[in-house]
Amino acid sequence: MSDWSLPQLLAGLHADIQQKLEISRKSFAHPGTKGDASESVWLEMLSAYLPQRYQAATAHVVDSLGNFSDQIDVVVFDRQYSPFIFKYQGQTIIPAESVYAAFEAKQAINAAQIRYAQDKVASVRRLQRTSLPIPHAGGVYPAKALIPILGGLLTFESDWTPAFGAPLDSALAGGGADGLLDMGCIAAHGHFTRETNPGRYVFTPEGRPATAFLFNLISRLQFSGTVPMIDIQAYARWLAN
């Protein structure tokens, strides 16, 4: 009989993530350095454990009209069907059609950080996305409906006690339709998910929040399907300018 233990493996995964986030919080004095370190921890986890059709990066998102999002800490995007990802001098630019999810990564969750994340997510969702009909051997499939872009906030701690309560619920309710956060993780306390029907938040305090969040994200991505077929010529028009 094998000596491997799945519960121990999952516990080890969460412990590794939580320890890295805690070290980042305690070891760096400069807020910007702390933020960069936290982003790196979440990006490292997603890059290691998401299926290879997805990729995660800190990036700006651009649409075919030439509009750009704010810089997003963690963008989960398609790497299998995306025709181009622009990289220059350490900056990554991703076409809006390729985006599955946008997350902000912060040290602690509070009302101000939730509003900040909502604004960042909204800057991605407001971008124009193209979708072309899909040719196949027997003809052409209609253009694929645009998939909802997931949005969320990833933190280590909470400025509220308890972490899950009325203040968090109230803050998450704001942001407007474009800024609503679908999910998030407070690695030291638990994770949360917004139910599409009836549109309320479910808060789950548990011992391994980072691992639970990862599994929840993978599940949501599975149900998202594939990104639409991008109209690359809509972007090529800018070559004439």
Protein backbone atom coordinates (compact mmCIF):
# COMPACT_ATOMS: atom_id res chain seq x y z
CA MET A 1 0.00 0.00 0.00
CA SER A 2 1.30 3.47 -0.90
CA ASP A 3 2.61 5.77 1.83
CA TRP A 4 1.28 8.83 -0.03
CA SER A 5 -1.47 10.85 1.64
CA LEU A 6 -3.69 13.17 -0.38
CA PRO A 7 -4.80 15.17 2.71
CA GLN A 8 -1.14 15.70 3.63
CA LEU A 9 -0.28 16.81 0.10
CA LEU A 10 -3.11 19.36 0.05
CA ALA A 11 -2.23 20.56 3.55
CA GLY A 12 1.38 20.99 2.45
CA LEU A 13 0.34 23.01 -0.60
CA HIS A 14 -1.68 25.45 1.50
CA ALA A 15 0.98 25.67 4.21
CA ASP A 16 3.58 26.58 1.57
CA ILE A 17 1.42 29.36 0.11
CA GLN A 18 0.40 30.75 3.49
CA GLN A 19 3.98 30.74 4.75
CA LYS A 20 5.22 32.60 1.69
CA LEU A 21 2.49 35.23 2.04
CA GLU A 22 3.22 35.63 5.75
CA ILE A 23 6.96 35.99 5.15
CA SER A 24 6.29 38.62 2.48
CA ARG A 25 4.08 40.55 4.90
CA LYS A 26 6.58 40.45 7.78
CA SER A 27 9.89 40.73 5.96
CA PHE A 28 9.44 43.73 3.66
CA ALA A 29 8.93 47.23 5.02
CA HIS A 30 8.18 49.02 1.74
CA PRO A 31 4.49 48.67 0.72
CA GLY A 32 5.37 48.35 -2.95
CA THR A 33 7.88 45.59 -2.25
CA LYS A 34 5.32 43.79 -0.11
CA GLY A 35 2.78 44.05 -2.89
CA ASP A 36 5.18 42.72 -5.52
CA ALA A 37 6.08 39.80 -3.27
CA SER A 38 2.41 38.92 -2.68
CA GLU A 39 1.66 39.05 -6.41
CA SER A 40 4.58 36.71 -7.03
CA VAL A 41 3.26 34.14 -4.55
CA TRP A 42 -0.19 34.01 -6.16
CA LEU A 43 1.24 34.01 -9.69
CA GLU A 44 3.62 31.19 -8.80
CA MET A 45 0.75 29.10 -7.41
CA LEU A 46 -1.51 29.64 -10.41
CA SER A 47 1.29 29.06 -12.91
CA ALA A 48 2.16 25.77 -11.22
CA TYR A 49 -1.33 24.34 -10.75
CA LEU A 50 -3.67 25.72 -13.42
CA PRO A 51 -4.05 23.56 -16.55
CA GLN A 52 -1.52 24.56 -19.23
CA ARG A 53 -4.19 26.06 -21.49
CA TYR A 54 -4.24 28.93 -18.97
CA GLN A 55 -1.48 31.34 -18.06
CA ALA A 56 -1.24 33.91 -15.27
CA ALA A 57 0.66 37.19 -15.38
CA THR A 58 0.69 40.77 -14.17
CA ALA A 59 -0.52 42.69 -17.21
CA HIS A 60 -2.52 45.40 -18.92
CA VAL A 61 -5.42 44.36 -21.14
CA VAL A 62 -6.12 46.06 -24.48
CA ASP A 63 -9.08 45.96 -26.86
CA SER A 64 -9.34 46.37 -30.64
CA LEU A 65 -10.46 50.00 -30.20
CA GLY A 66 -7.14 50.86 -28.57
CA ASN A 67 -8.48 51.11 -25.01
CA PHE A 68 -6.34 49.82 -22.13
CA SER A 69 -7.27 48.53 -18.69
CA ASP A 70 -5.46 49.51 -15.53
CA GLN A 71 -2.51 47.29 -14.65
CA ILE A 72 -3.92 44.10 -13.14
CA ASP A 73 -1.94 42.12 -10.56
CA VAL A 74 -3.06 38.69 -11.74
CA VAL A 75 -4.63 38.11 -15.16
CA VAL A 76 -5.61 34.55 -16.05
CA PHE A 77 -5.70 34.28 -19.83
CA ASP A 78 -5.82 31.80 -22.67
CA ARG A 79 -2.51 30.62 -24.08
CA GLN A 80 -3.78 27.90 -26.39
CA TYR A 81 -5.90 29.98 -28.79
CA SER A 82 -4.56 33.52 -28.24
CA PRO A 83 -2.83 34.69 -31.43
CA PHE A 84 -0.65 37.27 -29.73
CA ILE A 85 0.56 38.44 -26.34
CA PHE A 86 2.67 41.60 -26.51
CA LYS A 87 5.70 41.84 -24.23
CA TYR A 88 8.08 44.79 -24.12
CA GLN A 89 10.54 45.99 -21.47
CA GLY A 90 9.00 43.78 -18.82
CA GLN A 91 5.41 44.84 -19.62
CA THR A 92 2.78 42.32 -20.75
CA ILE A 93 -0.21 43.38 -22.86
CA ILE A 94 -3.04 40.88 -23.39
CA PRO A 95 -5.95 41.19 -25.85
CA ALA A 96 -9.31 41.47 -24.08
CA GLU A 97 -10.70 38.40 -25.87
CA SER A 98 -8.09 36.18 -24.19
CA VAL A 99 -8.96 37.05 -20.57
CA TYR A 100 -10.66 34.57 -18.26
CA ALA A 101 -10.14 36.29 -14.90
CA ALA A 102 -8.67 39.40 -13.27
CA PHE A 103 -7.53 39.52 -9.63
CA GLU A 104 -5.92 42.08 -7.39
CA ALA A 105 -3.40 40.78 -4.83
CA LYS A 106 -3.09 42.75 -1.58
CA GLN A 107 -1.72 42.24 1.91
CA ALA A 108 -5.05 42.62 3.72
CA ILE A 109 -8.70 42.94 2.77
CA ASN A 110 -10.69 46.03 3.81
CA ALA A 111 -13.32 48.31 2.29
CA ALA A 112 -10.77 50.48 0.45
CA GLN A 113 -9.00 47.50 -1.10
CA ILE A 114 -12.32 46.00 -2.20
CA ARG A 115 -13.28 49.26 -3.95
CA TYR A 116 -9.83 49.36 -5.53
CA ALA A 117 -10.18 45.77 -6.81
CA GLN A 118 -13.69 46.49 -8.10
CA ASP A 119 -12.40 49.46 -10.10
CA LYS A 120 -9.54 47.39 -11.53
CA VAL A 121 -11.83 44.53 -12.55
CA ALA A 122 -14.30 46.98 -14.10
CA SER A 123 -11.51 48.48 -16.22
CA VAL A 124 -11.10 45.04 -17.83
CA ARG A 125 -14.77 44.15 -18.21
CA ARG A 126 -15.57 47.46 -19.95
CA LEU A 127 -13.21 46.72 -22.82
CA GLN A 128 -14.57 45.76 -26.23
CA ARG A 129 -14.26 42.05 -27.11
CA THR A 130 -14.66 40.63 -30.63
CA SER A 131 -16.02 37.18 -31.51
CA LEU A 132 -15.88 35.71 -35.01
CA PRO A 133 -17.85 32.81 -36.52
CA ILE A 134 -15.88 29.56 -36.32
CA PRO A 135 -15.20 27.66 -39.56
CA HIS A 136 -15.27 23.86 -39.47
CA ALA A 137 -15.29 21.00 -41.97
CA GLY A 138 -19.06 21.10 -42.39
CA GLY A 139 -19.53 24.84 -42.55
CA VAL A 140 -19.39 27.65 -39.99
CA TYR A 141 -20.44 27.78 -36.36
CA PRO A 142 -22.02 31.05 -35.15
CA ALA A 143 -19.80 33.45 -33.23
CA LYS A 144 -19.32 32.25 -29.65
CA ALA A 145 -21.03 34.25 -26.93
CA LEU A 146 -18.59 36.21 -24.77
CA ILE A 147 -17.74 34.42 -21.53
CA PRO A 148 -18.09 36.37 -18.26
CA ILE A 149 -14.71 37.59 -16.98
CA LEU A 150 -14.18 36.48 -13.39
CA GLY A 151 -12.98 39.11 -10.94
CA GLY A 152 -11.62 38.84 -7.42
CA LEU A 153 -9.32 39.87 -4.60
CA LEU A 154 -6.50 37.79 -3.09
CA THR A 155 -5.07 38.66 0.33
CA PHE A 156 -3.26 37.12 3.27
CA GLU A 157 -5.04 38.85 6.16
CA SER A 158 -8.16 40.85 6.97
CA ASP A 159 -8.46 44.24 8.67
CA TRP A 160 -11.85 43.14 10.02
CA THR A 161 -12.50 41.01 13.09
CA PRO A 162 -14.04 38.61 12.39
CA ALA A 163 -12.80 38.39 8.82
CA PHE A 164 -16.19 37.27 7.50
CA GLY A 165 -19.07 39.43 8.60
CA ALA A 166 -21.39 42.31 7.73
CA PRO A 167 -18.61 44.83 6.83
CA LEU A 168 -17.15 42.47 4.21
CA ASP A 169 -20.57 41.57 2.84
CA SER A 170 -21.53 45.26 2.58
CA ALA A 171 -18.29 46.24 0.84
CA LEU A 172 -18.58 43.43 -1.70
CA ALA A 173 -22.13 44.54 -2.60
CA GLY A 174 -20.81 47.78 -4.11
CA GLY A 175 -18.85 48.40 -7.28
CA GLY A 176 -21.64 48.25 -9.86
CA ALA A 177 -22.23 45.44 -12.33
CA ASP A 178 -18.83 45.80 -14.02
CA GLY A 179 -16.95 45.75 -10.74
CA LEU A 180 -18.65 42.92 -8.85
CA LEU A 181 -16.11 40.47 -7.44
CA ASP A 182 -16.93 36.83 -8.09
CA MET A 183 -14.50 35.23 -5.69
CA GLY A 184 -11.59 35.82 -3.38
CA CYS A 185 -9.26 34.38 -0.80
CA ILE A 186 -8.09 35.54 2.61
CA ALA A 187 -5.37 32.94 3.06
CA ALA A 188 -5.27 33.17 6.86
CA HIS A 189 -9.04 32.84 7.28
CA GLY A 190 -11.04 31.44 4.34
CA HIS A 191 -12.43 32.19 0.90
CA PHE A 192 -15.62 33.63 -0.61
CA THR A 193 -17.69 33.11 -3.75
CA ARG A 194 -20.53 35.07 -5.28
CA GLU A 195 -23.49 32.94 -6.31
CA THR A 196 -24.95 34.01 -9.64
CA ASN A 197 -28.42 33.18 -8.38
CA PRO A 198 -29.56 34.80 -6.09
CA GLY A 199 -26.43 36.96 -6.25
CA ARG A 200 -25.32 36.65 -2.65
CA TYR A 201 -21.88 35.84 -1.25
CA VAL A 202 -20.98 32.58 0.42
CA PHE A 203 -18.17 32.86 2.97
CA THR A 204 -16.25 29.71 3.81
CA PRO A 205 -13.93 29.83 6.80
CA GLU A 206 -11.64 26.80 6.68
CA GLY A 207 -8.14 25.62 7.44
CA ARG A 208 -6.77 25.54 3.87
CA PRO A 209 -8.28 28.56 2.07
CA ALA A 210 -5.62 28.97 -0.63
CA THR A 211 -6.02 25.38 -1.82
CA ALA A 212 -9.82 25.63 -1.66
CA PHE A 213 -9.70 28.86 -3.68
CA LEU A 214 -7.48 27.22 -6.30
CA PHE A 215 -9.89 24.30 -6.72
CA ASN A 216 -12.86 26.67 -6.89
CA LEU A 217 -11.15 28.77 -9.56
CA ILE A 218 -10.32 25.71 -11.66
CA SER A 219 -13.93 24.57 -11.39
CA ARG A 220 -15.22 27.99 -12.47
CA LEU A 221 -12.81 28.03 -15.42
CA GLN A 222 -13.98 24.59 -16.52
CA PHE A 223 -17.54 25.87 -16.75
CA SER A 224 -16.42 29.04 -18.56
CA GLY A 225 -15.51 27.06 -21.65
CA THR A 226 -13.17 28.53 -24.26
CA VAL A 227 -12.55 32.18 -25.07
CA PRO A 228 -14.12 33.51 -28.32
CA MET A 229 -12.35 33.49 -31.67
CA ILE A 230 -10.60 36.86 -31.80
CA ASP A 231 -10.96 39.15 -34.82
CA ILE A 232 -7.25 39.73 -35.34
CA GLN A 233 -7.95 42.09 -38.27
CA ALA A 234 -9.71 44.45 -35.87
CA TYR A 235 -6.33 44.89 -34.18
CA ALA A 236 -4.41 44.93 -37.47
CA ARG A 237 -6.22 48.12 -38.48
CA TRP A 238 -3.97 50.00 -36.07
CA LEU A 239 -0.96 49.17 -38.26
CA ALA A 240 -2.07 51.91 -40.67
CA ASN A 241 -1.86 54.64 -37.98
